[in-house]
C-alpha atoms as a PDB file:
ATOM      1  CA  UNK A   1      -2.020   6.789  39.051  1.00  0.00           C
ATOM      2  CA  UNK A   2       1.321   5.154  39.523  1.00  0.00           C
ATOM      3  CA  UNK A   3       4.119   5.936  37.043  1.00  0.00           C
ATOM      4  CA  UNK A   4       4.210   2.287  35.827  1.00  0.00           C
ATOM      5  CA  UNK A   5       0.506   2.352  35.106  1.00  0.00           C
ATOM      6  CA  UNK A   6       0.850   5.660  33.206  1.00  0.00           C
ATOM      7  CA  UNK A   7       3.675   4.197  31.127  1.00  0.00           C
ATOM      8  CA  UNK A   8       1.595   1.074  30.259  1.00  0.00           C
ATOM      9  CA  UNK A   9      -1.277   3.253  29.373  1.00  0.00           C
ATOM     10  CA  UNK A  10       0.917   5.374  27.085  1.00  0.00           C
ATOM     11  CA  UNK A  11       2.018   2.303  25.173  1.00  0.00           C
ATOM     12  CA  UNK A  12      -1.396   0.664  24.863  1.00  0.00           C
ATOM     13  CA  UNK A  13      -2.741   3.948  23.299  1.00  0.00           C
ATOM     14  CA  UNK A  14       0.323   4.743  21.132  1.00  0.00           C
ATOM     15  CA  UNK A  15      -1.392   4.930  17.822  1.00  0.00           C
ATOM     16  CA  UNK A  16      -4.194   7.147  19.161  1.00  0.00           C
ATOM     17  CA  UNK A  17      -1.519   9.492  20.816  1.00  0.00           C
ATOM     18  CA  UNK A  18       0.441   9.766  17.557  1.00  0.00           C
ATOM     19  CA  UNK A  19      -2.717  10.791  15.767  1.00  0.00           C
ATOM     20  CA  UNK A  20      -3.658  13.313  18.399  1.00  0.00           C
ATOM     21  CA  UNK A  21      -0.181  14.883  18.245  1.00  0.00           C
ATOM     22  CA  UNK A  22      -0.055  14.992  14.487  1.00  0.00           C
ATOM     23  CA  UNK A  23      -3.442  16.578  14.356  1.00  0.00           C
ATOM     24  CA  UNK A  24      -2.306  19.286  16.762  1.00  0.00           C
ATOM     25  CA  UNK A  25       0.959  20.009  14.931  1.00  0.00           C
ATOM     26  CA  UNK A  26      -0.044  19.819  11.256  1.00  0.00           C
ATOM     27  CA  UNK A  27      -2.123  23.057  11.150  1.00  0.00           C
ATOM     28  CA  UNK A  28       0.712  25.014  12.834  1.00  0.00           C
ATOM     29  CA  UNK A  29       3.036  24.819   9.906  1.00  0.00           C
ATOM     30  CA  UNK A  30       2.971  25.158   6.116  1.00  0.00           C
ATOM     31  CA  UNK A  31       6.117  23.207   5.732  1.00  0.00           C
ATOM     32  CA  UNK A  32       6.394  19.477   4.828  1.00  0.00           C
ATOM     33  CA  UNK A  33       9.629  18.456   6.515  1.00  0.00           C
ATOM     34  CA  UNK A  34      11.533  15.505   5.109  1.00  0.00           C
ATOM     35  CA  UNK A  35      14.274  15.627   7.726  1.00  0.00           C
ATOM     36  CA  UNK A  36      14.206  15.713  11.485  1.00  0.00           C
ATOM     37  CA  UNK A  37      17.060  16.798  13.855  1.00  0.00           C
ATOM     38  CA  UNK A  38      17.331  16.092  17.504  1.00  0.00           C
ATOM     39  CA  UNK A  39      19.727  18.410  19.280  1.00  0.00           C
ATOM     40  CA  UNK A  40      21.514  16.968  22.358  1.00  0.00           C
ATOM     41  CA  UNK A  41      23.023  18.522  25.516  1.00  0.00           C
ATOM     42  CA  UNK A  42      24.450  22.018  24.879  1.00  0.00           C
ATOM     43  CA  UNK A  43      23.553  21.997  21.197  1.00  0.00           C
ATOM     44  CA  UNK A  44      20.229  23.802  21.374  1.00  0.00           C
ATOM     45  CA  UNK A  45      21.839  27.044  20.456  1.00  0.00           C
ATOM     46  CA  UNK A  46      22.328  25.785  16.915  1.00  0.00           C
ATOM     47  CA  UNK A  47      18.701  26.698  16.328  1.00  0.00           C
ATOM     48  CA  UNK A  48      20.070  30.142  15.480  1.00  0.00           C
ATOM     49  CA  UNK A  49      21.417  28.621  12.301  1.00  0.00           C
ATOM     50  CA  UNK A  50      17.942  27.601  11.115  1.00  0.00           C
ATOM     51  CA  UNK A  51      15.439  29.833   9.273  1.00  0.00           C
ATOM     52  CA  UNK A  52      12.613  29.347  11.829  1.00  0.00           C
ATOM     53  CA  UNK A  53       9.011  29.339  10.765  1.00  0.00           C
ATOM     54  CA  UNK A  54       7.269  28.063  13.972  1.00  0.00           C
ATOM     55  CA  UNK A  55       8.371  27.318  17.499  1.00  0.00           C
ATOM     56  CA  UNK A  56       6.194  25.288  19.778  1.00  0.00           C
ATOM     57  CA  UNK A  57       7.090  24.591  23.443  1.00  0.00           C
ATOM     58  CA  UNK A  58       6.933  20.841  24.317  1.00  0.00           C
ATOM     59  CA  UNK A  59       4.533  21.686  27.188  1.00  0.00           C
ATOM     60  CA  UNK A  60       1.895  22.834  24.661  1.00  0.00           C
ATOM     61  CA  UNK A  61       2.083  19.693  22.543  1.00  0.00           C
ATOM     62  CA  UNK A  62      -0.308  16.858  23.405  1.00  0.00           C
ATOM     63  CA  UNK A  63       1.452  13.743  24.586  1.00  0.00           C
ATOM     64  CA  UNK A  64       4.910  15.281  24.606  1.00  0.00           C
ATOM     65  CA  UNK A  65       6.895  14.975  27.839  1.00  0.00           C
ATOM     66  CA  UNK A  66       8.716  17.840  29.589  1.00  0.00           C
ATOM     67  CA  UNK A  67      12.498  18.405  29.458  1.00  0.00           C
ATOM     68  CA  UNK A  68      14.064  18.574  32.990  1.00  0.00           C
ATOM     69  CA  UNK A  69      17.690  18.818  32.063  1.00  0.00           C
ATOM     70  CA  UNK A  70      19.840  21.960  31.788  1.00  0.00           C
ATOM     71  CA  UNK A  71      20.805  22.453  28.160  1.00  0.00           C
ATOM     72  CA  UNK A  72      17.563  21.090  26.738  1.00  0.00           C
ATOM     73  CA  UNK A  73      15.214  23.988  26.164  1.00  0.00           C
ATOM     74  CA  UNK A  74      12.175  22.034  25.161  1.00  0.00           C
ATOM     75  CA  UNK A  75      10.860  23.426  21.887  1.00  0.00           C
ATOM     76  CA  UNK A  76       9.773  21.783  18.690  1.00  0.00           C
ATOM     77  CA  UNK A  77      10.783  23.910  15.725  1.00  0.00           C
ATOM     78  CA  UNK A  78       9.647  24.004  12.097  1.00  0.00           C
ATOM     79  CA  UNK A  79      11.890  25.779   9.702  1.00  0.00           C
ATOM     80  CA  UNK A  80      14.465  25.515   6.870  1.00  0.00           C
ATOM     81  CA  UNK A  81      18.096  24.453   6.779  1.00  0.00           C
ATOM     82  CA  UNK A  82      20.129  24.513   3.601  1.00  0.00           C
ATOM     83  CA  UNK A  83      16.851  25.467   1.905  1.00  0.00           C
ATOM     84  CA  UNK A  84      15.076  22.242   2.998  1.00  0.00           C
ATOM     85  CA  UNK A  85      12.163  22.053   5.399  1.00  0.00           C
ATOM     86  CA  UNK A  86      13.101  20.411   8.731  1.00  0.00           C
ATOM     87  CA  UNK A  87      11.719  19.611  12.178  1.00  0.00           C
ATOM     88  CA  UNK A  88      14.120  20.288  15.031  1.00  0.00           C
ATOM     89  CA  UNK A  89      13.895  19.130  18.611  1.00  0.00           C
ATOM     90  CA  UNK A  90      15.588  21.650  20.819  1.00  0.00           C
ATOM     91  CA  UNK A  91      16.328  19.158  23.513  1.00  0.00           C
ATOM     92  CA  UNK A  92      15.281  15.543  24.032  1.00  0.00           C
ATOM     93  CA  UNK A  93      13.716  13.318  26.617  1.00  0.00           C
ATOM     94  CA  UNK A  94      15.934  10.783  28.594  1.00  0.00           C
ATOM     95  CA  UNK A  95      15.156   7.508  30.259  1.00  0.00           C
ATOM     96  CA  UNK A  96      16.914   8.621  33.486  1.00  0.00           C
ATOM     97  CA  UNK A  97      14.362  11.429  33.793  1.00  0.00           C
ATOM     98  CA  UNK A  98      11.844   8.781  34.677  1.00  0.00           C
ATOM     99  CA  UNK A  99      10.107   8.464  31.304  1.00  0.00           C
ATOM    100  CA  UNK A 100       9.346   5.160  29.633  1.00  0.00           C
ATOM    101  CA  UNK A 101      11.233   4.200  26.509  1.00  0.00           C
ATOM    102  CA  UNK A 102       8.011   4.766  24.552  1.00  0.00           C
ATOM    103  CA  UNK A 103       7.844   8.304  25.918  1.00  0.00           C
ATOM    104  CA  UNK A 104      11.462   8.989  25.153  1.00  0.00           C
ATOM    105  CA  UNK A 105      11.071   7.940  21.541  1.00  0.00           C
ATOM    106  CA  UNK A 106       7.557   9.249  20.912  1.00  0.00           C
ATOM    107  CA  UNK A 107       8.785  12.220  18.941  1.00  0.00           C
ATOM    108  CA  UNK A 108      10.351   9.946  16.444  1.00  0.00           C
ATOM    109  CA  UNK A 109       7.015   8.301  15.783  1.00  0.00           C
ATOM    110  CA  UNK A 110       5.344  11.738  15.373  1.00  0.00           C
ATOM    111  CA  UNK A 111       8.111  12.857  12.978  1.00  0.00           C
ATOM    112  CA  UNK A 112       7.520   9.745  10.786  1.00  0.00           C
ATOM    113  CA  UNK A 113       3.777  10.442  10.735  1.00  0.00           C
ATOM    114  CA  UNK A 114       4.407  13.995   9.666  1.00  0.00           C
ATOM    115  CA  UNK A 115       6.491  12.824   6.627  1.00  0.00           C
ATOM    116  CA  UNK A 116      10.054  12.759   7.909  1.00  0.00           C
ATOM    117  CA  UNK A 117      12.175  10.262   6.069  1.00  0.00           C
ATOM    118  CA  UNK A 118      15.665  11.029   7.410  1.00  0.00           C
ATOM    119  CA  UNK A 119      16.626  11.577  11.124  1.00  0.00           C
ATOM    120  CA  UNK A 120      19.783  13.299  12.462  1.00  0.00           C
ATOM    121  CA  UNK A 121      20.577  12.350  16.023  1.00  0.00           C
ATOM    122  CA  UNK A 122      23.152  14.520  17.920  1.00  0.00           C
ATOM    123  CA  UNK A 123      24.556  14.158  21.372  1.00  0.00           C
ATOM    124  CA  UNK A 124      27.321  15.008  23.780  1.00  0.00           C
ATOM    125  CA  UNK A 125      29.395  11.950  24.635  1.00  0.00           C
ATOM    126  CA  UNK A 126      32.292  10.863  26.723  1.00  0.00           C
ATOM    127  CA  UNK A 127      35.464   9.709  24.844  1.00  0.00           C
ATOM    128  CA  UNK A 128      36.189   6.030  25.587  1.00  0.00           C
ATOM    129  CA  UNK A 129      38.760   5.735  22.843  1.00  0.00           C
ATOM    130  CA  UNK A 130      42.095   7.272  23.984  1.00  0.00           C
ATOM    131  CA  UNK A 131      42.572   8.874  20.539  1.00  0.00           C
ATOM    132  CA  UNK A 132      39.486  11.040  21.076  1.00  0.00           C
ATOM    133  CA  UNK A 133      39.816  14.469  22.718  1.00  0.00           C
ATOM    134  CA  UNK A 134      37.424  17.079  23.931  1.00  0.00           C
ATOM    135  CA  UNK A 135      36.031  19.019  20.960  1.00  0.00           C
ATOM    136  CA  UNK A 136      36.336  16.169  18.514  1.00  0.00           C
ATOM    137  CA  UNK A 137      33.430  14.796  16.643  1.00  0.00           C
ATOM    138  CA  UNK A 138      32.514  11.142  16.093  1.00  0.00           C
ATOM    139  CA  UNK A 139      30.116   9.943  13.416  1.00  0.00           C
ATOM    140  CA  UNK A 140      28.316   6.845  14.678  1.00  0.00           C
ATOM    141  CA  UNK A 141      28.808   3.704  12.548  1.00  0.00           C
ATOM    142  CA  UNK A 142      27.170   1.338  15.107  1.00  0.00           C
ATOM    143  CA  UNK A 143      26.069   1.192  18.704  1.00  0.00           C
ATOM    144  CA  UNK A 144      26.058  -1.036  21.751  1.00  0.00           C
ATOM    145  CA  UNK A 145      22.869  -0.905  23.758  1.00  0.00           C
ATOM    146  CA  UNK A 146      23.492  -1.194  27.557  1.00  0.00           C
ATOM    147  CA  UNK A 147      20.203   0.479  28.468  1.00  0.00           C
ATOM    148  CA  UNK A 148      18.134  -1.914  30.559  1.00  0.00           C
ATOM    149  CA  UNK A 149      14.965  -1.377  28.570  1.00  0.00           C
ATOM    150  CA  UNK A 150      13.955  -1.352  24.936  1.00  0.00           C
ATOM    151  CA  UNK A 151      11.591   1.159  23.164  1.00  0.00           C
ATOM    152  CA  UNK A 152      10.027  -1.805  21.213  1.00  0.00           C
ATOM    153  CA  UNK A 153       9.022  -3.754  24.291  1.00  0.00           C
ATOM    154  CA  UNK A 154       5.340  -4.224  24.811  1.00  0.00           C
ATOM    155  CA  UNK A 155       2.463  -4.043  22.310  1.00  0.00           C
ATOM    156  CA  UNK A 156       3.653  -4.418  18.662  1.00  0.00           C
ATOM    157  CA  UNK A 157       1.726  -2.382  15.991  1.00  0.00           C
ATOM    158  CA  UNK A 158       2.198  -3.582  12.457  1.00  0.00           C
ATOM    159  CA  UNK A 159       1.496  -0.100  11.307  1.00  0.00           C
ATOM    160  CA  UNK A 160       4.651   1.215  13.057  1.00  0.00           C
ATOM    161  CA  UNK A 161       7.173  -1.531  12.094  1.00  0.00           C
ATOM    162  CA  UNK A 162       8.040  -5.196  12.465  1.00  0.00           C
ATOM    163  CA  UNK A 163       8.088  -7.120  15.621  1.00  0.00           C
ATOM    164  CA  UNK A 164      11.749  -8.130  15.230  1.00  0.00           C
ATOM    165  CA  UNK A 165      13.618  -5.510  13.165  1.00  0.00           C
ATOM    166  CA  UNK A 166      17.104  -6.212  11.904  1.00  0.00           C
ATOM    167  CA  UNK A 167      19.953  -4.178  13.362  1.00  0.00           C
ATOM    168  CA  UNK A 168      22.808  -4.611  10.851  1.00  0.00           C
ATOM    169  CA  UNK A 169      22.292  -1.260   9.178  1.00  0.00           C
ATOM    170  CA  UNK A 170      20.863   1.102  11.803  1.00  0.00           C
ATOM    171  CA  UNK A 171      23.012   4.022  10.575  1.00  0.00           C
ATOM    172  CA  UNK A 172      22.853   4.893   6.877  1.00  0.00           C
ATOM    173  CA  UNK A 173      26.145   4.042   5.102  1.00  0.00           C
ATOM    174  CA  UNK A 174      25.732   6.754   2.454  1.00  0.00           C
ATOM    175  CA  UNK A 175      25.152   9.458   5.015  1.00  0.00           C
ATOM    176  CA  UNK A 176      28.090   8.230   7.055  1.00  0.00           C
ATOM    177  CA  UNK A 177      30.351   8.368   4.028  1.00  0.00           C
ATOM    178  CA  UNK A 178      29.085  11.847   3.082  1.00  0.00           C
ATOM    179  CA  UNK A 179      29.537  13.063   6.692  1.00  0.00           C
ATOM    180  CA  UNK A 180      33.102  11.929   6.842  1.00  0.00           C
ATOM    181  CA  UNK A 181      33.793  13.679   3.373  1.00  0.00           C
ATOM    182  CA  UNK A 182      32.202  16.936   4.638  1.00  0.00           C
ATOM    183  CA  UNK A 183      34.369  16.835   7.802  1.00  0.00           C
ATOM    184  CA  UNK A 184      37.526  16.363   5.793  1.00  0.00           C
ATOM    185  CA  UNK A 185      36.625  19.094   3.331  1.00  0.00           C
ATOM    186  CA  UNK A 186      36.179  21.603   6.236  1.00  0.00           C
ATOM    187  CA  UNK A 187      39.237  20.337   8.129  1.00  0.00           C
ATOM    188  CA  UNK A 188      37.128  19.097  11.140  1.00  0.00           C
ATOM    189  CA  UNK A 189      38.527  16.394  13.358  1.00  0.00           C
ATOM    190  CA  UNK A 190      35.870  13.710  13.064  1.00  0.00           C
ATOM    191  CA  UNK A 191      36.279  10.098  13.933  1.00  0.00           C
ATOM    192  CA  UNK A 192      34.182   7.086  12.939  1.00  0.00           C
ATOM    193  CA  UNK A 193      33.191   4.929  15.868  1.00  0.00           C
ATOM    194  CA  UNK A 194      30.832   2.899  18.029  1.00  0.00           C
ATOM    195  CA  UNK A 195      28.645   4.665  20.513  1.00  0.00           C
ATOM    196  CA  UNK A 196      27.631   2.903  23.754  1.00  0.00           C
ATOM    197  CA  UNK A 197      24.239   3.820  25.211  1.00  0.00           C
ATOM    198  CA  UNK A 198      23.825   3.644  29.015  1.00  0.00           C
ATOM    199  CA  UNK A 199      21.078   4.450  31.507  1.00  0.00           C
ATOM    200  CA  UNK A 200      22.701   7.483  33.293  1.00  0.00           C
ATOM    201  CA  UNK A 201      22.421   9.942  34.856  1.00  0.00           C
ATOM    202  CA  UNK A 202      25.802   9.335  36.611  1.00  0.00           C
ATOM    203  CA  UNK A 203      28.994   9.493  34.576  1.00  0.00           C
ATOM    204  CA  UNK A 204      31.150   6.349  34.394  1.00  0.00           C
ATOM    205  CA  UNK A 205      33.859   5.178  36.743  1.00  0.00           C
ATOM    206  CA  UNK A 206      37.343   4.688  35.409  1.00  0.00           C
ATOM    207  CA  UNK A 207      36.786   0.877  35.573  1.00  0.00           C
ATOM    208  CA  UNK A 208      33.546   1.265  33.575  1.00  0.00           C
ATOM    209  CA  UNK A 209      35.321   3.396  30.896  1.00  0.00           C
ATOM    210  CA  UNK A 210      37.876   0.670  30.510  1.00  0.00           C
ATOM    211  CA  UNK A 211      35.112  -2.028  30.254  1.00  0.00           C
ATOM    212  CA  UNK A 212      33.372  -0.061  27.631  1.00  0.00           C
ATOM    213  CA  UNK A 213      36.506   0.114  25.595  1.00  0.00           C
ATOM    214  CA  UNK A 214      37.133  -3.579  25.904  1.00  0.00           C
ATOM    215  CA  UNK A 215      33.701  -4.458  24.554  1.00  0.00           C
ATOM    216  CA  UNK A 216      34.266  -2.209  21.459  1.00  0.00           C
ATOM    217  CA  UNK A 217      33.083   1.221  22.445  1.00  0.00           C
ATOM    218  CA  UNK A 218      34.589   4.496  21.333  1.00  0.00           C
ATOM    219  CA  UNK A 219      32.167   6.971  22.945  1.00  0.00           C
ATOM    220  CA  UNK A 220      29.511   6.663  25.623  1.00  0.00           C
ATOM    221  CA  UNK A 221      26.268   8.589  26.351  1.00  0.00           C
ATOM    222  CA  UNK A 222      22.870   8.593  27.923  1.00  0.00           C
ATOM    223  CA  UNK A 223      20.686   8.951  24.758  1.00  0.00           C
ATOM    224  CA  UNK A 224      20.527   8.292  21.059  1.00  0.00           C
ATOM    225  CA  UNK A 225      20.387   4.433  21.033  1.00  0.00           C
ATOM    226  CA  UNK A 226      16.665   4.217  21.845  1.00  0.00           C
ATOM    227  CA  UNK A 227      15.935   6.829  19.252  1.00  0.00           C
ATOM    228  CA  UNK A 228      18.089   5.019  16.646  1.00  0.00           C
ATOM    229  CA  UNK A 229      16.252   1.711  17.349  1.00  0.00           C
ATOM    230  CA  UNK A 230      12.873   3.356  16.816  1.00  0.00           C
ATOM    231  CA  UNK A 231      14.069   5.293  13.746  1.00  0.00           C
ATOM    232  CA  UNK A 232      15.188   2.003  12.155  1.00  0.00           C
ATOM    233  CA  UNK A 233      11.973   0.249  13.240  1.00  0.00           C
ATOM    234  CA  UNK A 234      10.005   3.040  11.547  1.00  0.00           C
ATOM    235  CA  UNK A 235      12.090   2.853   8.346  1.00  0.00           C
ATOM    236  CA  UNK A 236      13.865   6.121   8.775  1.00  0.00           C
ATOM    237  CA  UNK A 237      17.288   6.791   7.336  1.00  0.00           C
ATOM    238  CA  UNK A 238      19.488   7.584  10.411  1.00  0.00           C
ATOM    239  CA  UNK A 239      22.616   9.599  10.901  1.00  0.00           C
ATOM    240  CA  UNK A 240      24.151   9.922  14.387  1.00  0.00           C
ATOM    241  CA  UNK A 241      26.973  12.177  15.443  1.00  0.00           C
ATOM    242  CA  UNK A 242      28.556  12.897  18.855  1.00  0.00           C
ATOM    243  CA  UNK A 243      30.552  15.840  20.249  1.00  0.00           C
ATOM    244  CA  UNK A 244      33.178  14.467  22.513  1.00  0.00           C
ATOM    245  CA  UNK A 245      32.812  16.464  25.736  1.00  0.00           C
ATOM    246  CA  UNK A 246      35.062  14.604  28.149  1.00  0.00           C
ATOM    247  CA  UNK A 247      37.911  12.094  28.079  1.00  0.00           C
ATOM    248  CA  UNK A 248      36.964   9.352  30.426  1.00  0.00           C
ATOM    249  CA  UNK A 249      39.580   6.924  29.113  1.00  0.00           C
ATOM    250  CA  UNK A 250      42.534   9.274  29.180  1.00  0.00           C
ATOM    251  CA  UNK A 251      45.668   8.050  30.984  1.00  0.00           C
ATOM    252  CA  UNK A 252      44.817  10.485  33.697  1.00  0.00           C
ATOM    253  CA  UNK A 253      41.004  10.673  33.602  1.00  0.00           C
ATOM    254  CA  UNK A 254      39.477  14.161  33.676  1.00  0.00           C
ATOM    255  CA  UNK A 255      36.555  14.412  36.106  1.00  0.00           C
ATOM    256  CA  UNK A 256      33.202  15.162  34.341  1.00  0.00           C
ATOM    257  CA  UNK A 257      30.316  17.522  35.099  1.00  0.00           C
ATOM    258  CA  UNK A 258      27.285  18.456  33.257  1.00  0.00           C
ATOM    259  CA  UNK A 259      28.406  22.075  33.151  1.00  0.00           C
ATOM    260  CA  UNK A 260      31.709  20.972  31.504  1.00  0.00           C
ATOM    261  CA  UNK A 261      29.665  18.944  28.986  1.00  0.00           C
ATOM    262  CA  UNK A 262      27.555  21.925  28.032  1.00  0.00           C
ATOM    263  CA  UNK A 263      30.549  24.196  27.621  1.00  0.00           C
ATOM    264  CA  UNK A 264      32.370  21.708  25.415  1.00  0.00           C
ATOM    265  CA  UNK A 265      29.361  21.021  23.290  1.00  0.00           C
ATOM    266  CA  UNK A 266      28.795  24.719  22.829  1.00  0.00           C
ATOM    267  CA  UNK A 267      32.309  25.249  21.500  1.00  0.00           C
ATOM    268  CA  UNK A 268      32.239  22.303  19.137  1.00  0.00           C
ATOM    269  CA  UNK A 269      28.606  22.661  18.047  1.00  0.00           C
ATOM    270  CA  UNK A 270      29.274  24.752  15.009  1.00  0.00           C
ATOM    271  CA  UNK A 271      31.549  22.079  13.607  1.00  0.00           C
ATOM    272  CA  UNK A 272      28.808  19.478  14.068  1.00  0.00           C
ATOM    273  CA  UNK A 273      26.241  21.669  12.402  1.00  0.00           C
ATOM    274  CA  UNK A 274      28.424  22.297   9.433  1.00  0.00           C
ATOM    275  CA  UNK A 275      28.375  18.613   8.653  1.00  0.00           C
ATOM    276  CA  UNK A 276      24.625  18.308   9.160  1.00  0.00           C
ATOM    277  CA  UNK A 277      23.986  21.296   6.857  1.00  0.00           C
ATOM    278  CA  UNK A 278      25.980  19.672   4.142  1.00  0.00           C
ATOM    279  CA  UNK A 279      24.161  16.455   4.396  1.00  0.00           C
ATOM    280  CA  UNK A 280      20.663  18.022   4.456  1.00  0.00           C
ATOM    281  CA  UNK A 281      21.550  20.044   1.325  1.00  0.00           C
ATOM    282  CA  UNK A 282      21.967  16.943  -0.655  1.00  0.00           C
ATOM    283  CA  UNK A 283      18.986  14.955   0.575  1.00  0.00           C
END
């Protein structure tokens, strides 16, 4: 069957697939997670900070896709962080891997069905704002969607959310304020900015970085926006945070590579996790 046909079949049977996946996962944990965390490129090692109860490879989970990108290990983890039960995705799925938007965001639907009420989205991003430097963090206050597809396109199920969801408050203001306060308390360099989501997988040209800045972007990446759209559609509180892993809009642009991204994310990851731990502790 052609990829396009498989993607259409996936969307048409979305409710059934959610039920199948939840039925598989529920017996495998005694926890009732209220928070979900999606770990981006180079951030999977932060699982070591979690009191892990159960680890399930994506390949064993019905209707989950496979991760094909270095730095995304591909495990769903149930455990505790700051004493609170959480679900953690050790790696995510990307549109550029060939998956449909519904496949990319399917884990958000499953988390919602499992009882998650708050989602934490993390990513490695390129600095578009010239004030941003490698190793800085950026809490997302808003986003610009330049991905040429939408996870809500297709069949609309009232059970999952409205046909036309509002986008004025995608990222939870209270969590944003608490995140900035936590960063300040721990002397972490953390900006508040706008994340631009693009298709990938190529990095941007110097002209594209300049364009993204002109339209209001502070950082750019190849994930997060579709997940944030679905999280909002599903009624989840959403917090997004980026590790700046390259300086695309520097006066003298620094060439990017995936390996450099992973290395920068690994170094700055602990700072990011410090903020998330603080936020989960007060949920």
